[in-house]
Amino acid sequence: MNYIFSIGVGSSRSGIGKTTFIENIIVNFKKIFGNKVNIIAIKYTKTTFFSSIISESSIVETSGKDTARMKRAGANFVYWVKSGEAELPDVVERLKEEIEESPSALSKNDIQKIIIIEGNSLVRIMHPDVIIFLKDKETNYIKPSGEALLKIADIVIEGQYSMEETMDEILKIQQKKLIEKLLTERSNSGKISCAEARKIAEELNVPYIEVGRTANELKIKIRKCELGCF
């Protein structure tokens, strides 16, 4: 199933451990999906001089760089985005086109695709499926780019955290987003047949009630329900 799941990671300040956190996410997704997942990691650096999208291995895999750490953790593809705030929306559109046109990054429909984005401003503009915010427990300071992101974060982590619990939360959101996507795609004028709703549940290996609950949230009516599944 050709579905791209995106995760954004932001923080209240620099040096809080975003890259380490992303390394852990990559490692855990590789453990779960093995070679059935392609992970695209994107690092954002704010600059006032020029805008660029860098994917050359000779640069992104340079020892000591955050991009190299992402690659070593298991990311299949790594992009380094450098841009000023004003130019960033245009750079994001170029980045999306570059990813879509990649001959291998989004290939093979049976492989799960996951995009992981690091950087407050880039996360805010790219609107990922789930936003994770790392908040400093020792101080109330939040840099300006983090304040807006904190308000829309799905998961806020403050201080020590359990990677297992965090992954559980990410996977729950991933499952819900996929149910929403399939319900929206397969419904017509706010309605979907019971047979099609059951098919979604069976394809995703989730209880019928989860599909029914999500359909209610989306105000999609399940019709012709003969078995009482919903």
N, C-alpha and C. Protein backbone atom coordinates (compact mmCIF):
# COMPACT_ATOMS: atom_id res chain seq x y z
N MET A 1 0.85 -1.19 0.00
CA MET A 1 0.00 0.00 0.00
C MET A 1 0.88 1.24 0.00
N ASN A 2 0.72 2.10 -0.99
CA ASN A 2 1.60 3.25 -1.15
C ASN A 2 1.13 4.40 -0.25
N TYR A 3 1.54 4.37 1.01
CA TYR A 3 1.14 5.39 1.97
C TYR A 3 2.38 5.96 2.63
N ILE A 4 2.48 7.28 2.62
CA ILE A 4 3.64 7.95 3.22
C ILE A 4 3.21 8.50 4.57
N PHE A 5 3.92 8.10 5.62
CA PHE A 5 3.65 8.59 6.97
C PHE A 5 4.78 9.52 7.36
N SER A 6 4.43 10.73 7.82
CA SER A 6 5.47 11.72 8.13
C SER A 6 5.45 12.10 9.60
N ILE A 7 6.65 12.28 10.14
CA ILE A 7 6.85 12.62 11.56
C ILE A 7 7.71 13.88 11.63
N GLY A 8 7.28 14.84 12.40
CA GLY A 8 8.08 16.05 12.60
C GLY A 8 8.58 16.12 14.03
N VAL A 9 9.83 16.51 14.20
CA VAL A 9 10.43 16.62 15.54
C VAL A 9 10.95 18.04 15.73
N GLY A 10 10.41 18.73 16.72
CA GLY A 10 10.86 20.07 17.05
C GLY A 10 11.26 20.14 18.52
N SER A 11 11.68 21.34 18.95
CA SER A 11 12.14 21.45 20.33
C SER A 11 12.09 22.88 20.82
N SER A 12 12.23 23.01 22.14
CA SER A 12 12.21 24.33 22.76
C SER A 12 13.52 25.07 22.58
N ARG A 13 14.61 24.33 22.37
CA ARG A 13 15.92 24.96 22.18
C ARG A 13 16.86 24.01 21.44
N SER A 14 17.96 24.55 20.97
CA SER A 14 18.98 23.74 20.32
C SER A 14 19.72 22.91 21.36
N GLY A 15 20.26 21.78 20.96
CA GLY A 15 21.07 20.96 21.85
C GLY A 15 20.28 20.13 22.84
N ILE A 16 18.99 19.98 22.62
CA ILE A 16 18.15 19.25 23.57
C ILE A 16 18.13 17.75 23.28
N GLY A 17 18.60 17.37 22.08
CA GLY A 17 18.68 15.94 21.76
C GLY A 17 17.76 15.48 20.65
N LYS A 18 17.41 16.39 19.73
CA LYS A 18 16.49 16.02 18.64
C LYS A 18 17.10 14.93 17.75
N THR A 19 18.36 15.08 17.41
CA THR A 19 18.98 14.11 16.51
C THR A 19 19.08 12.74 17.16
N THR A 20 19.43 12.70 18.44
CA THR A 20 19.46 11.42 19.17
C THR A 20 18.08 10.78 19.18
N PHE A 21 17.06 11.60 19.41
CA PHE A 21 15.69 11.10 19.43
C PHE A 21 15.31 10.52 18.06
N ILE A 22 15.68 11.22 17.00
CA ILE A 22 15.38 10.75 15.65
C ILE A 22 16.14 9.47 15.34
N GLU A 23 17.39 9.38 15.79
CA GLU A 23 18.14 8.12 15.61
C GLU A 23 17.37 6.95 16.23
N ASN A 24 16.83 7.17 17.43
CA ASN A 24 16.08 6.12 18.11
C ASN A 24 14.81 5.74 17.34
N ILE A 25 14.13 6.75 16.78
CA ILE A 25 12.93 6.47 15.99
C ILE A 25 13.29 5.61 14.78
N ILE A 26 14.36 5.99 14.09
CA ILE A 26 14.78 5.25 12.89
C ILE A 26 15.10 3.80 13.26
N VAL A 27 15.89 3.62 14.30
CA VAL A 27 16.28 2.27 14.73
C VAL A 27 15.04 1.44 15.06
N ASN A 28 14.08 2.03 15.75
CA ASN A 28 12.88 1.29 16.15
C ASN A 28 12.00 0.94 14.96
N PHE A 29 11.86 1.85 14.00
CA PHE A 29 11.07 1.53 12.81
C PHE A 29 11.74 0.43 12.00
N LYS A 30 13.06 0.43 11.96
CA LYS A 30 13.77 -0.63 11.24
C LYS A 30 13.58 -1.97 11.95
N LYS A 31 13.52 -1.95 13.27
CA LYS A 31 13.29 -3.20 14.01
C LYS A 31 11.89 -3.74 13.73
N ILE A 32 10.92 -2.84 13.62
CA ILE A 32 9.53 -3.24 13.42
C ILE A 32 9.29 -3.73 11.99
N PHE A 33 9.75 -2.95 11.01
CA PHE A 33 9.43 -3.23 9.61
C PHE A 33 10.57 -3.88 8.82
N GLY A 34 11.78 -3.85 9.35
CA GLY A 34 12.92 -4.45 8.65
C GLY A 34 13.14 -3.82 7.29
N ASN A 35 13.28 -4.66 6.25
CA ASN A 35 13.52 -4.14 4.91
C ASN A 35 12.23 -3.75 4.19
N LYS A 36 11.12 -3.74 4.92
CA LYS A 36 9.85 -3.33 4.32
C LYS A 36 9.52 -1.87 4.63
N VAL A 37 10.54 -1.10 4.96
CA VAL A 37 10.33 0.33 5.20
C VAL A 37 11.46 1.13 4.56
N ASN A 38 11.09 2.22 3.92
CA ASN A 38 12.05 3.21 3.43
C ASN A 38 11.91 4.46 4.30
N ILE A 39 12.99 4.87 4.92
CA ILE A 39 12.96 6.04 5.79
C ILE A 39 13.72 7.19 5.14
N ILE A 40 13.03 8.32 5.01
CA ILE A 40 13.65 9.53 4.48
C ILE A 40 13.79 10.51 5.64
N ALA A 41 15.01 10.90 5.96
CA ALA A 41 15.26 11.83 7.06
C ALA A 41 15.65 13.20 6.48
N ILE A 42 15.09 14.26 7.06
CA ILE A 42 15.33 15.61 6.55
C ILE A 42 15.79 16.50 7.70
N LYS A 43 16.94 17.09 7.54
CA LYS A 43 17.51 18.01 8.54
C LYS A 43 17.41 19.44 8.03
N TYR A 44 16.92 20.34 8.90
CA TYR A 44 16.82 21.75 8.50
C TYR A 44 17.82 22.61 9.26
N THR A 45 18.50 23.48 8.51
CA THR A 45 19.41 24.46 9.10
C THR A 45 19.01 25.84 8.60
N LYS A 46 18.76 26.75 9.50
CA LYS A 46 18.42 28.12 9.12
C LYS A 46 19.67 28.87 8.69
N THR A 47 19.58 29.55 7.56
CA THR A 47 20.70 30.33 7.06
C THR A 47 20.20 31.63 6.45
N THR A 48 21.01 32.65 6.46
CA THR A 48 20.62 33.94 5.87
C THR A 48 21.33 34.19 4.54
N PHE A 49 22.16 33.23 4.10
CA PHE A 49 22.97 33.46 2.91
C PHE A 49 22.36 32.90 1.63
N PHE A 50 21.89 31.67 1.67
CA PHE A 50 21.39 31.03 0.46
C PHE A 50 20.49 29.87 0.85
N SER A 51 19.76 29.36 -0.13
CA SER A 51 18.90 28.20 0.10
C SER A 51 19.41 27.03 -0.73
N SER A 52 19.38 25.85 -0.15
CA SER A 52 19.83 24.68 -0.90
C SER A 52 19.21 23.42 -0.31
N ILE A 53 19.12 22.40 -1.16
CA ILE A 53 18.67 21.07 -0.75
C ILE A 53 19.81 20.12 -1.10
N ILE A 54 20.42 19.55 -0.09
CA ILE A 54 21.61 18.72 -0.30
C ILE A 54 21.29 17.26 -0.01
N SER A 55 21.62 16.40 -0.96
CA SER A 55 21.41 14.97 -0.75
C SER A 55 22.63 14.15 -1.14
N GLU A 56 23.68 14.82 -1.61
CA GLU A 56 24.88 14.11 -2.01
C GLU A 56 25.51 13.41 -0.81
N SER A 57 25.78 12.13 -0.96
CA SER A 57 26.31 11.34 0.14
C SER A 57 27.65 11.87 0.63
N SER A 58 28.44 12.47 -0.26
CA SER A 58 29.74 12.99 0.14
C SER A 58 29.61 14.12 1.15
N ILE A 59 28.43 14.74 1.20
CA ILE A 59 28.19 15.84 2.15
C ILE A 59 27.36 15.36 3.34
N VAL A 60 26.21 14.73 3.07
CA VAL A 60 25.32 14.37 4.18
C VAL A 60 25.89 13.26 5.05
N GLU A 61 26.85 12.50 4.52
CA GLU A 61 27.44 11.42 5.31
C GLU A 61 28.80 11.80 5.90
N THR A 62 29.10 13.09 5.87
CA THR A 62 30.35 13.56 6.46
C THR A 62 30.34 13.33 7.97
N SER A 63 31.36 12.72 8.48
CA SER A 63 31.44 12.40 9.90
C SER A 63 31.24 13.64 10.77
N GLY A 64 30.43 13.50 11.81
CA GLY A 64 30.20 14.60 12.73
C GLY A 64 28.93 15.37 12.46
N LYS A 65 28.36 15.22 11.27
CA LYS A 65 27.14 15.95 10.94
C LYS A 65 25.92 15.17 11.43
N ASP A 66 24.86 15.91 11.77
CA ASP A 66 23.62 15.25 12.20
C ASP A 66 23.07 14.36 11.09
N THR A 67 23.22 14.79 9.85
CA THR A 67 22.73 13.99 8.72
C THR A 67 23.45 12.64 8.64
N ALA A 68 24.73 12.64 8.98
CA ALA A 68 25.49 11.39 8.97
C ALA A 68 24.99 10.45 10.06
N ARG A 69 24.62 11.01 11.19
CA ARG A 69 24.08 10.20 12.29
C ARG A 69 22.75 9.56 11.88
N MET A 70 21.92 10.33 11.18
CA MET A 70 20.64 9.79 10.70
C MET A 70 20.87 8.64 9.71
N LYS A 71 21.83 8.83 8.85
CA LYS A 71 22.15 7.80 7.86
C LYS A 71 22.66 6.54 8.54
N ARG A 72 23.56 6.70 9.50
CA ARG A 72 24.11 5.55 10.21
C ARG A 72 23.05 4.81 11.02
N ALA A 73 22.05 5.55 11.50
CA ALA A 73 20.98 4.92 12.28
C ALA A 73 20.10 4.03 11.42
N GLY A 74 20.15 4.25 10.09
CA GLY A 74 19.38 3.38 9.20
C GLY A 74 18.51 4.09 8.19
N ALA A 75 18.56 5.43 8.14
CA ALA A 75 17.77 6.15 7.13
C ALA A 75 18.24 5.75 5.74
N ASN A 76 17.28 5.47 4.86
CA ASN A 76 17.63 5.09 3.49
C ASN A 76 18.07 6.29 2.67
N PHE A 77 17.44 7.43 2.94
CA PHE A 77 17.75 8.65 2.20
C PHE A 77 17.78 9.82 3.18
N VAL A 78 18.73 10.73 2.99
CA VAL A 78 18.87 11.89 3.88
C VAL A 78 18.97 13.16 3.05
N TYR A 79 18.20 14.17 3.45
CA TYR A 79 18.26 15.48 2.81
C TYR A 79 18.64 16.52 3.87
N TRP A 80 19.48 17.45 3.45
CA TRP A 80 19.84 18.57 4.31
C TRP A 80 19.32 19.84 3.67
N VAL A 81 18.34 20.48 4.32
CA VAL A 81 17.72 21.68 3.79
C VAL A 81 18.30 22.90 4.50
N LYS A 82 18.82 23.82 3.72
CA LYS A 82 19.36 25.08 4.26
C LYS A 82 18.59 26.22 3.63
N SER A 83 18.00 27.07 4.48
CA SER A 83 17.16 28.15 3.94
C SER A 83 16.86 29.18 5.00
N GLY A 84 16.53 30.37 4.55
CA GLY A 84 16.02 31.38 5.43
C GLY A 84 14.54 31.18 5.64
N GLU A 85 13.97 31.87 6.62
CA GLU A 85 12.55 31.70 6.93
C GLU A 85 11.67 32.11 5.74
N ALA A 86 11.97 33.24 5.12
CA ALA A 86 11.13 33.76 4.05
C ALA A 86 11.10 32.84 2.84
N GLU A 87 12.23 32.22 2.53
CA GLU A 87 12.33 31.37 1.35
C GLU A 87 11.85 29.94 1.60
N LEU A 88 11.63 29.58 2.85
CA LEU A 88 11.38 28.18 3.20
C LEU A 88 10.15 27.57 2.51
N PRO A 89 9.01 28.28 2.40
CA PRO A 89 7.86 27.66 1.70
C PRO A 89 8.20 27.23 0.28
N ASP A 90 8.93 28.05 -0.45
CA ASP A 90 9.31 27.69 -1.82
C ASP A 90 10.29 26.52 -1.82
N VAL A 91 11.20 26.51 -0.85
CA VAL A 91 12.17 25.42 -0.75
C VAL A 91 11.46 24.11 -0.44
N VAL A 92 10.43 24.16 0.40
CA VAL A 92 9.67 22.95 0.73
C VAL A 92 9.00 22.37 -0.52
N GLU A 93 8.45 23.23 -1.36
CA GLU A 93 7.83 22.74 -2.60
C GLU A 93 8.86 22.06 -3.49
N ARG A 94 10.05 22.64 -3.56
CA ARG A 94 11.12 22.02 -4.34
C ARG A 94 11.53 20.69 -3.74
N LEU A 95 11.58 20.64 -2.41
CA LEU A 95 11.96 19.40 -1.73
C LEU A 95 10.94 18.30 -2.01
N LYS A 96 9.64 18.61 -1.92
CA LYS A 96 8.60 17.63 -2.19
C LYS A 96 8.72 17.08 -3.61
N GLU A 97 8.99 17.98 -4.56
CA GLU A 97 9.15 17.55 -5.95
C GLU A 97 10.36 16.64 -6.10
N GLU A 98 11.45 17.00 -5.42
CA GLU A 98 12.66 16.19 -5.52
C GLU A 98 12.44 14.79 -4.94
N ILE A 99 11.73 14.71 -3.82
CA ILE A 99 11.44 13.41 -3.22
C ILE A 99 10.54 12.58 -4.14
N GLU A 100 9.49 13.23 -4.69
CA GLU A 100 8.55 12.53 -5.56
C GLU A 100 9.22 12.03 -6.84
N GLU A 101 10.21 12.80 -7.32
CA GLU A 101 10.87 12.44 -8.57
C GLU A 101 12.03 11.48 -8.37
N SER A 102 12.36 11.19 -7.12
CA SER A 102 13.46 10.27 -6.85
C SER A 102 13.10 8.89 -7.41
N PRO A 103 14.00 8.26 -8.16
CA PRO A 103 13.70 6.96 -8.76
C PRO A 103 13.57 5.83 -7.75
N SER A 104 14.05 6.05 -6.53
CA SER A 104 14.04 4.94 -5.58
C SER A 104 13.42 5.27 -4.23
N ALA A 105 13.39 6.54 -3.84
CA ALA A 105 12.93 6.89 -2.49
C ALA A 105 11.50 6.45 -2.22
N LEU A 106 10.62 6.61 -3.20
CA LEU A 106 9.21 6.28 -2.99
C LEU A 106 8.78 5.12 -3.88
N SER A 107 9.71 4.28 -4.27
CA SER A 107 9.39 3.16 -5.14
C SER A 107 8.83 1.99 -4.33
N LYS A 108 8.32 1.01 -5.03
CA LYS A 108 7.78 -0.24 -4.46
C LYS A 108 6.56 0.03 -3.56
N ASN A 109 5.40 -0.20 -4.10
CA ASN A 109 4.16 0.10 -3.40
C ASN A 109 3.96 -0.71 -2.13
N ASP A 110 4.61 -1.86 -2.03
CA ASP A 110 4.41 -2.71 -0.85
C ASP A 110 5.34 -2.36 0.29
N ILE A 111 6.10 -1.29 0.15
CA ILE A 111 7.03 -0.89 1.20
C ILE A 111 6.51 0.36 1.91
N GLN A 112 6.52 0.34 3.24
CA GLN A 112 6.10 1.49 4.05
C GLN A 112 7.10 2.62 3.86
N LYS A 113 6.58 3.82 3.65
CA LYS A 113 7.44 5.00 3.51
C LYS A 113 7.25 5.92 4.70
N ILE A 114 8.35 6.30 5.33
CA ILE A 114 8.29 7.18 6.50
C ILE A 114 9.25 8.35 6.29
N ILE A 115 8.72 9.56 6.44
CA ILE A 115 9.54 10.77 6.35
C ILE A 115 9.67 11.36 7.75
N ILE A 116 10.90 11.60 8.18
CA ILE A 116 11.16 12.17 9.50
C ILE A 116 11.83 13.53 9.30
N ILE A 117 11.23 14.56 9.88
CA ILE A 117 11.67 15.95 9.66
C ILE A 117 12.18 16.53 10.96
N GLU A 118 13.36 17.12 10.92
CA GLU A 118 13.91 17.79 12.10
C GLU A 118 14.03 19.28 11.87
N GLY A 119 13.49 20.06 12.79
CA GLY A 119 13.60 21.52 12.69
C GLY A 119 12.25 22.19 12.81
N ASN A 120 12.08 23.10 13.77
CA ASN A 120 10.78 23.71 14.05
C ASN A 120 10.11 24.32 12.83
N SER A 121 10.81 25.17 12.13
CA SER A 121 10.21 25.90 11.00
C SER A 121 9.83 24.95 9.87
N LEU A 122 10.70 24.00 9.58
CA LEU A 122 10.43 23.05 8.50
C LEU A 122 9.24 22.15 8.86
N VAL A 123 9.18 21.71 10.11
CA VAL A 123 8.05 20.88 10.55
C VAL A 123 6.74 21.66 10.42
N ARG A 124 6.75 22.91 10.84
CA ARG A 124 5.54 23.73 10.79
C ARG A 124 5.02 23.89 9.36
N ILE A 125 5.90 24.04 8.42
CA ILE A 125 5.50 24.28 7.04
C ILE A 125 5.12 22.98 6.32
N MET A 126 5.75 21.86 6.69
CA MET A 126 5.49 20.61 5.98
C MET A 126 4.26 19.85 6.51
N HIS A 127 3.72 20.25 7.66
CA HIS A 127 2.49 19.65 8.20
C HIS A 127 2.54 18.12 8.25
N PRO A 128 3.46 17.54 9.00
CA PRO A 128 3.54 16.08 9.07
C PRO A 128 2.34 15.47 9.78
N ASP A 129 2.19 14.15 9.66
CA ASP A 129 1.07 13.44 10.28
C ASP A 129 1.12 13.52 11.80
N VAL A 130 2.31 13.48 12.35
CA VAL A 130 2.45 13.57 13.81
C VAL A 130 3.61 14.51 14.12
N ILE A 131 3.39 15.38 15.10
CA ILE A 131 4.42 16.33 15.53
C ILE A 131 4.83 16.00 16.95
N ILE A 132 6.12 15.84 17.16
CA ILE A 132 6.67 15.53 18.48
C ILE A 132 7.53 16.72 18.91
N PHE A 133 7.29 17.19 20.11
CA PHE A 133 8.02 18.37 20.61
C PHE A 133 8.80 17.99 21.86
N LEU A 134 10.11 18.25 21.82
CA LEU A 134 10.97 18.01 22.98
C LEU A 134 11.10 19.30 23.78
N LYS A 135 10.63 19.27 25.02
CA LYS A 135 10.59 20.48 25.85
C LYS A 135 11.60 20.35 26.99
N ASP A 136 12.34 21.42 27.20
CA ASP A 136 13.34 21.44 28.26
C ASP A 136 12.66 21.46 29.62
N LYS A 137 13.00 20.50 30.45
CA LYS A 137 12.38 20.39 31.77
C LYS A 137 12.99 21.38 32.76
N GLU A 138 14.21 21.82 32.48
CA GLU A 138 14.94 22.65 33.45
C GLU A 138 14.63 24.13 33.32
N THR A 139 14.05 24.55 32.21
CA THR A 139 13.79 25.97 32.02
C THR A 139 12.49 26.16 31.26
N ASN A 140 11.84 27.30 31.43
CA ASN A 140 10.60 27.60 30.71
C ASN A 140 10.87 28.25 29.36
N TYR A 141 12.14 28.46 29.05
CA TYR A 141 12.47 29.14 27.79
C TYR A 141 12.09 28.26 26.59
N ILE A 142 11.43 28.88 25.62
CA ILE A 142 11.13 28.24 24.34
C ILE A 142 11.45 29.25 23.25
N LYS A 143 12.33 28.88 22.33
CA LYS A 143 12.68 29.81 21.27
C LYS A 143 11.46 30.11 20.41
N PRO A 144 11.41 31.28 19.78
CA PRO A 144 10.21 31.70 19.04
C PRO A 144 9.69 30.68 18.04
N SER A 145 10.59 30.02 17.32
CA SER A 145 10.13 29.04 16.32
C SER A 145 9.46 27.83 16.96
N GLY A 146 9.74 27.61 18.26
CA GLY A 146 9.16 26.47 18.95
C GLY A 146 7.80 26.74 19.56
N GLU A 147 7.51 28.01 19.85
CA GLU A 147 6.25 28.35 20.52
C GLU A 147 5.03 27.95 19.69
N ALA A 148 5.08 28.27 18.39
CA ALA A 148 3.95 27.92 17.52
C ALA A 148 3.84 26.41 17.36
N LEU A 149 4.97 25.73 17.31
CA LEU A 149 4.97 24.28 17.11
C LEU A 149 4.42 23.55 18.33
N LEU A 150 4.75 24.05 19.51
CA LEU A 150 4.29 23.43 20.75
C LEU A 150 2.76 23.40 20.81
N LYS A 151 2.13 24.43 20.29
CA LYS A 151 0.66 24.54 20.35
C LYS A 151 -0.03 23.47 19.51
N ILE A 152 0.64 22.96 18.49
CA ILE A 152 0.00 21.98 17.60
C ILE A 152 0.64 20.59 17.71
N ALA A 153 1.53 20.42 18.69
CA ALA A 153 2.22 19.13 18.83
C ALA A 153 1.25 18.03 19.28
N ASP A 154 1.42 16.84 18.72
CA ASP A 154 0.63 15.67 19.11
C ASP A 154 1.21 15.00 20.35
N ILE A 155 2.54 15.03 20.46
CA ILE A 155 3.24 14.41 21.58
C ILE A 155 4.26 15.41 22.12
N VAL A 156 4.20 15.69 23.41
CA VAL A 156 5.17 16.58 24.05
C VAL A 156 5.98 15.75 25.04
N ILE A 157 7.29 15.79 24.89
CA ILE A 157 8.18 15.02 25.75
C ILE A 157 9.00 16.00 26.58
N GLU A 158 8.95 15.83 27.88
CA GLU A 158 9.65 16.73 28.79
C GLU A 158 10.52 15.90 29.73
N GLY A 159 11.83 16.05 29.60
CA GLY A 159 12.73 15.27 30.44
C GLY A 159 12.92 13.86 29.92
N GLN A 160 13.09 12.92 30.85
CA GLN A 160 13.31 11.53 30.48
C GLN A 160 12.06 10.94 29.81
N TYR A 161 12.28 10.01 28.89
CA TYR A 161 11.14 9.42 28.20
C TYR A 161 11.41 7.95 27.91
N SER A 162 10.32 7.22 27.72
CA SER A 162 10.40 5.81 27.33
C SER A 162 10.23 5.73 25.82
N MET A 163 11.24 5.20 25.13
CA MET A 163 11.15 5.09 23.68
C MET A 163 10.06 4.10 23.29
N GLU A 164 9.87 3.08 24.11
CA GLU A 164 8.84 2.08 23.81
C GLU A 164 7.45 2.71 23.85
N GLU A 165 7.19 3.52 24.88
CA GLU A 165 5.90 4.18 24.99
C GLU A 165 5.71 5.21 23.88
N THR A 166 6.78 5.91 23.54
CA THR A 166 6.71 6.90 22.46
C THR A 166 6.40 6.24 21.13
N MET A 167 7.05 5.12 20.85
CA MET A 167 6.78 4.39 19.61
C MET A 167 5.34 3.88 19.58
N ASP A 168 4.82 3.45 20.71
CA ASP A 168 3.42 3.00 20.77
C ASP A 168 2.49 4.14 20.37
N GLU A 169 2.77 5.34 20.88
CA GLU A 169 1.95 6.50 20.55
C GLU A 169 2.06 6.83 19.06
N ILE A 170 3.27 6.80 18.53
CA ILE A 170 3.47 7.09 17.10
C ILE A 170 2.71 6.08 16.24
N LEU A 171 2.80 4.82 16.57
CA LEU A 171 2.14 3.78 15.78
C LEU A 171 0.62 3.88 15.86
N LYS A 172 0.09 4.30 17.02
CA LYS A 172 -1.35 4.50 17.14
C LYS A 172 -1.81 5.63 16.22
N ILE A 173 -1.04 6.71 16.20
CA ILE A 173 -1.39 7.84 15.33
C ILE A 173 -1.26 7.43 13.87
N GLN A 174 -0.22 6.67 13.55
CA GLN A 174 -0.03 6.20 12.19
C GLN A 174 -1.24 5.38 11.73
N GLN A 175 -1.69 4.48 12.60
CA GLN A 175 -2.84 3.64 12.27
C GLN A 175 -4.09 4.49 12.04
N LYS A 176 -4.31 5.46 12.92
CA LYS A 176 -5.49 6.32 12.79
C LYS A 176 -5.44 7.13 11.51
N LYS A 177 -4.27 7.67 11.16
CA LYS A 177 -4.13 8.46 9.94
C LYS A 177 -4.43 7.61 8.71
N LEU A 178 -4.00 6.36 8.73
CA LEU A 178 -4.23 5.48 7.59
C LEU A 178 -5.72 5.13 7.47
N ILE A 179 -6.38 4.89 8.60
CA ILE A 179 -7.83 4.64 8.57
C ILE A 179 -8.55 5.86 7.98
N GLU A 180 -8.15 7.06 8.44
CA GLU A 180 -8.76 8.29 7.93
C GLU A 180 -8.54 8.42 6.43
N LYS A 181 -7.34 8.13 5.97
CA LYS A 181 -7.01 8.24 4.56
C LYS A 181 -7.89 7.31 3.72
N LEU A 182 -8.01 6.06 4.13
CA LEU A 182 -8.76 5.08 3.35
C LEU A 182 -10.26 5.37 3.39
N LEU A 183 -10.77 5.79 4.54
CA LEU A 183 -12.18 6.15 4.63
C LEU A 183 -12.50 7.33 3.71
N THR A 184 -11.62 8.31 3.72
CA THR A 184 -11.84 9.50 2.89
C THR A 184 -11.78 9.15 1.41
N GLU A 185 -10.80 8.32 1.04
CA GLU A 185 -10.63 7.95 -0.37
C GLU A 185 -11.79 7.09 -0.88
N ARG A 186 -12.32 6.21 -0.02
CA ARG A 186 -13.30 5.23 -0.49
C ARG A 186 -14.75 5.61 -0.20
N SER A 187 -14.95 6.72 0.49
CA SER A 187 -16.32 7.16 0.74
C SER A 187 -16.79 8.03 -0.43
N ASN A 188 -18.10 8.18 -0.51
CA ASN A 188 -18.69 8.99 -1.58
C ASN A 188 -19.81 9.82 -0.99
N SER A 189 -19.65 11.14 -1.08
CA SER A 189 -20.66 12.07 -0.54
C SER A 189 -20.93 11.80 0.94
N GLY A 190 -19.86 11.51 1.69
CA GLY A 190 -20.00 11.31 3.12
C GLY A 190 -20.58 9.98 3.52
N LYS A 191 -20.56 9.00 2.59
CA LYS A 191 -21.10 7.68 2.90
C LYS A 191 -20.15 6.59 2.39
N ILE A 192 -20.17 5.45 3.10
CA ILE A 192 -19.37 4.29 2.69
C ILE A 192 -20.14 3.03 3.05
N SER A 193 -20.05 2.02 2.22
CA SER A 193 -20.80 0.79 2.49
C SER A 193 -20.17 0.03 3.66
N CYS A 194 -20.99 -0.77 4.31
CA CYS A 194 -20.50 -1.60 5.41
C CYS A 194 -19.42 -2.56 4.91
N ALA A 195 -19.63 -3.11 3.72
CA ALA A 195 -18.66 -4.06 3.17
C ALA A 195 -17.30 -3.40 2.95
N GLU A 196 -17.33 -2.15 2.46
CA GLU A 196 -16.07 -1.44 2.21
C GLU A 196 -15.39 -1.06 3.53
N ALA A 197 -16.17 -0.68 4.53
CA ALA A 197 -15.61 -0.35 5.85
C ALA A 197 -14.98 -1.59 6.48
N ARG A 198 -15.65 -2.74 6.35
CA ARG A 198 -15.07 -3.98 6.87
C ARG A 198 -13.78 -4.32 6.14
N LYS A 199 -13.76 -4.07 4.85
CA LYS A 199 -12.57 -4.35 4.05
C LYS A 199 -11.37 -3.53 4.54
N ILE A 200 -11.62 -2.25 4.89
CA ILE A 200 -10.56 -1.39 5.41
C ILE A 200 -10.01 -1.98 6.71
N ALA A 201 -10.92 -2.39 7.60
CA ALA A 201 -10.50 -2.96 8.88
C ALA A 201 -9.66 -4.22 8.67
N GLU A 202 -10.08 -5.04 7.73
CA GLU A 202 -9.37 -6.30 7.48
C GLU A 202 -8.03 -6.06 6.80
N GLU A 203 -7.96 -5.07 5.91
CA GLU A 203 -6.69 -4.74 5.25
C GLU A 203 -5.66 -4.26 6.26
N LEU A 204 -6.12 -3.49 7.23
CA LEU A 204 -5.22 -2.90 8.22
C LEU A 204 -5.08 -3.76 9.48
N ASN A 205 -5.86 -4.84 9.54
CA ASN A 205 -5.83 -5.73 10.70
C ASN A 205 -6.15 -4.98 11.99
N VAL A 206 -7.23 -4.20 11.94
CA VAL A 206 -7.69 -3.46 13.12
C VAL A 206 -9.14 -3.85 13.40
N PRO A 207 -9.61 -3.69 14.63
CA PRO A 207 -11.00 -4.02 14.96
C PRO A 207 -11.98 -3.16 14.14
N TYR A 208 -13.12 -3.74 13.81
CA TYR A 208 -14.15 -2.98 13.06
C TYR A 208 -14.52 -1.70 13.80
N ILE A 209 -14.54 -1.78 15.13
CA ILE A 209 -14.97 -0.63 15.92
C ILE A 209 -14.05 0.58 15.74
N GLU A 210 -12.75 0.33 15.46
CA GLU A 210 -11.82 1.43 15.23
C GLU A 210 -12.17 2.18 13.95
N VAL A 211 -12.53 1.42 12.92
CA VAL A 211 -12.94 2.05 11.66
C VAL A 211 -14.25 2.79 11.86
N GLY A 212 -15.18 2.18 12.61
CA GLY A 212 -16.46 2.83 12.88
C GLY A 212 -16.30 4.12 13.66
N ARG A 213 -15.43 4.09 14.67
CA ARG A 213 -15.19 5.28 15.49
C ARG A 213 -14.61 6.42 14.64
N THR A 214 -13.63 6.07 13.79
CA THR A 214 -12.99 7.08 12.95
C THR A 214 -13.97 7.62 11.93
N ALA A 215 -14.84 6.76 11.38
CA ALA A 215 -15.85 7.21 10.43
C ALA A 215 -16.79 8.22 11.10
N ASN A 216 -17.16 7.96 12.35
CA ASN A 216 -18.01 8.91 13.08
C ASN A 216 -17.32 10.25 13.25
N GLU A 217 -16.03 10.23 13.58
CA GLU A 217 -15.27 11.47 13.75
C GLU A 217 -15.21 12.27 12.46
N LEU A 218 -15.12 11.53 11.33
CA LEU A 218 -15.06 12.19 10.02
C LEU A 218 -16.44 12.51 9.47
N LYS A 219 -17.48 12.14 10.24
CA LYS A 219 -18.87 12.32 9.81
C LYS A 219 -19.14 11.59 8.49
N ILE A 220 -18.58 10.38 8.39
CA ILE A 220 -18.84 9.50 7.25
C ILE A 220 -19.81 8.43 7.72
N LYS A 221 -20.96 8.32 7.05
CA LYS A 221 -21.98 7.37 7.45
C LYS A 221 -21.73 6.01 6.81
N ILE A 222 -21.74 4.96 7.64
CA ILE A 222 -21.58 3.59 7.13
C ILE A 222 -22.98 3.06 6.84
N ARG A 223 -23.25 2.74 5.57
CA ARG A 223 -24.59 2.33 5.16
C ARG A 223 -24.66 0.82 4.87
N LYS A 224 -25.89 0.33 4.82
CA LYS A 224 -26.16 -1.08 4.52
C LYS A 224 -25.38 -2.02 5.45
N CYS A 225 -25.39 -1.70 6.72
CA CYS A 225 -24.69 -2.53 7.70
C CYS A 225 -25.60 -3.67 8.13
N GLU A 226 -25.39 -4.83 7.54
CA GLU A 226 -26.27 -5.98 7.77
C GLU A 226 -25.82 -6.84 8.95
N LEU A 227 -24.51 -6.82 9.26
CA LEU A 227 -23.98 -7.72 10.28
C LEU A 227 -23.85 -7.07 11.65
N GLY A 228 -24.15 -5.76 11.72
CA GLY A 228 -24.05 -5.06 13.00
C GLY A 228 -22.61 -4.84 13.46
N CYS A 229 -21.67 -4.81 12.50
CA CYS A 229 -20.25 -4.63 12.85
C CYS A 229 -19.97 -3.23 13.37
N PHE A 230 -20.78 -2.26 12.92
CA PHE A 230 -20.50 -0.88 13.28
C PHE A 230 -21.67 -0.27 14.05
